[in-house]
Each structure stands twice: as structure tokens, then as C-alpha cells.
C-alpha atoms as a PDB file:
ATOM      1  CA  MET A   1      35.166 216.396 120.208  1.00  0.00           C
ATOM      2  CA  ALA A   2      31.380 216.038 120.354  1.00  0.00           C
ATOM      3  CA  LEU A   3      29.695 213.562 118.046  1.00  0.00           C
ATOM      4  CA  PHE A   4      26.965 214.690 115.664  1.00  0.00           C
ATOM      5  CA  TRP A   5      23.605 212.900 115.783  1.00  0.00           C
ATOM      6  CA  LEU A   6      20.715 213.641 113.472  1.00  0.00           C
ATOM      7  CA  SER A   7      17.628 215.031 115.188  1.00  0.00           C
ATOM      8  CA  ASP A   8      14.286 213.286 114.785  1.00  0.00           C
ATOM      9  CA  GLU A   9      13.186 216.041 112.419  1.00  0.00           C
ATOM     10  CA  GLY A  10      16.346 215.758 110.334  1.00  0.00           C
ATOM     11  CA  TRP A  11      16.028 211.985 110.112  1.00  0.00           C
ATOM     12  CA  ALA A  12      12.351 212.255 109.122  1.00  0.00           C
ATOM     13  CA  ALA A  13      13.379 214.505 106.213  1.00  0.00           C
ATOM     14  CA  ILE A  14      16.193 212.214 105.000  1.00  0.00           C
ATOM     15  CA  GLU A  15      14.836 208.700 105.541  1.00  0.00           C
ATOM     16  CA  PRO A  16      12.252 208.652 102.706  1.00  0.00           C
ATOM     17  CA  HIS A  17      15.044 209.362 100.191  1.00  0.00           C
ATOM     18  CA  LEU A  18      17.224 206.393 101.177  1.00  0.00           C
ATOM     19  CA  PRO A  19      17.123 203.199  99.112  1.00  0.00           C
ATOM     20  CA  LYS A  20      15.153 200.314 100.590  1.00  0.00           C
ATOM     21  CA  ASN A  21      15.771 196.552 100.448  1.00  0.00           C
ATOM     22  CA  GLN A  22      19.452 196.715  99.579  1.00  0.00           C
ATOM     23  CA  PRO A  23      21.015 193.233  99.506  1.00  0.00           C
ATOM     24  CA  CYS A  24      23.765 192.680 102.036  1.00  0.00           C
ATOM     25  CA  ALA A  25      24.687 190.393 104.886  1.00  0.00           C
ATOM     26  CA  ARG A  26      23.836 192.793 107.718  1.00  0.00           C
ATOM     27  CA  ARG A  27      22.776 196.422 107.510  1.00  0.00           C
ATOM     28  CA  VAL A  28      24.115 198.882 110.023  1.00  0.00           C
ATOM     29  CA  ASP A  29      21.599 201.354 111.449  1.00  0.00           C
ATOM     30  CA  GLU A  30      21.150 203.903 108.651  1.00  0.00           C
ATOM     31  CA  ARG A  31      20.679 206.825 111.026  1.00  0.00           C
ATOM     32  CA  ARG A  32      24.060 206.125 112.657  1.00  0.00           C
ATOM     33  CA  VAL A  33      25.802 205.917 109.280  1.00  0.00           C
ATOM     34  CA  VAL A  34      24.229 209.128 107.946  1.00  0.00           C
ATOM     35  CA  SER A  35      25.165 210.880 111.191  1.00  0.00           C
ATOM     36  CA  GLY A  36      28.744 209.656 110.646  1.00  0.00           C
ATOM     37  CA  ILE A  37      28.783 211.053 107.117  1.00  0.00           C
ATOM     38  CA  VAL A  38      27.580 214.443 108.334  1.00  0.00           C
ATOM     39  CA  HIS A  39      30.154 214.355 111.163  1.00  0.00           C
ATOM     40  CA  VAL A  40      33.049 213.786 108.756  1.00  0.00           C
ATOM     41  CA  LEU A  41      31.830 216.535 106.428  1.00  0.00           C
ATOM     42  CA  LYS A  42      31.316 219.034 109.285  1.00  0.00           C
ATOM     43  CA  VAL A  43      34.574 218.321 111.096  1.00  0.00           C
ATOM     44  CA  GLY A  44      36.679 217.857 107.974  1.00  0.00           C
ATOM     45  CA  CYS A  45      38.473 214.776 109.245  1.00  0.00           C
ATOM     46  CA  ARG A  46      39.615 211.888 107.069  1.00  0.00           C
ATOM     47  CA  TRP A  47      37.163 209.047 106.530  1.00  0.00           C
ATOM     48  CA  CYS A  48      39.482 206.656 108.334  1.00  0.00           C
ATOM     49  CA  ASP A  49      39.300 208.918 111.417  1.00  0.00           C
ATOM     50  CA  CYS A  50      35.509 208.697 111.658  1.00  0.00           C
ATOM     51  CA  PRO A  51      34.606 207.632 115.224  1.00  0.00           C
ATOM     52  CA  ALA A  52      33.571 203.992 115.570  1.00  0.00           C
ATOM     53  CA  ASP A  53      30.391 205.100 117.390  1.00  0.00           C
ATOM     54  CA  TYR A  54      28.825 205.643 113.960  1.00  0.00           C
ATOM     55  CA  ALA A  55      29.984 202.440 112.242  1.00  0.00           C
ATOM     56  CA  SER A  56      33.266 201.305 110.760  1.00  0.00           C
ATOM     57  CA  SER A  57      34.977 204.031 108.763  1.00  0.00           C
ATOM     58  CA  ALA A  58      34.759 201.810 105.671  1.00  0.00           C
ATOM     59  CA  THR A  59      30.991 201.483 106.048  1.00  0.00           C
ATOM     60  CA  VAL A  60      30.525 205.230 106.484  1.00  0.00           C
ATOM     61  CA  TYR A  61      32.722 206.019 103.470  1.00  0.00           C
ATOM     62  CA  ASN A  62      31.156 203.363 101.232  1.00  0.00           C
ATOM     63  CA  ARG A  63      27.624 204.560 102.051  1.00  0.00           C
ATOM     64  CA  PHE A  64      28.700 208.156 101.283  1.00  0.00           C
ATOM     65  CA  ASN A  65      30.337 207.059  98.041  1.00  0.00           C
ATOM     66  CA  ARG A  66      27.177 205.237  96.923  1.00  0.00           C
END
């Protein structure tokens, strides 16, 4: 199964709408996480089956849930 990655144009449209300066220990690359969210929604897999190339499945789900 091919992974989904946001294009530069897609990322440029989404990035300004993301919250900035969120407190946490270590932020994962936002573009990877958003690509993971889109991948799960397109493929229809469970959150726990999200490929680790994006981030941990918990991180991807929690960012989607927020």
C-alpha cells in the first residue's frame, strides 16, 4: 500500500490553520502527522494500523481528535 504525503501546495493551504506554540515535550513534524490523518481517512484503516512512517498511531489519532 502506498503512503499518502501532502504536496507542497496542500501543506501551504493547511499550515496557517494549525495552532502554534502548543506546549509539549517534543513535537512531531506536523506535516507527517497530517499526512497520516489523511492516509487513515482515505484508506479506511483503524487508527492503530496507521503506518509508523507518519508518527505513532497514538500521536496521529490524538492530533486528529484535537
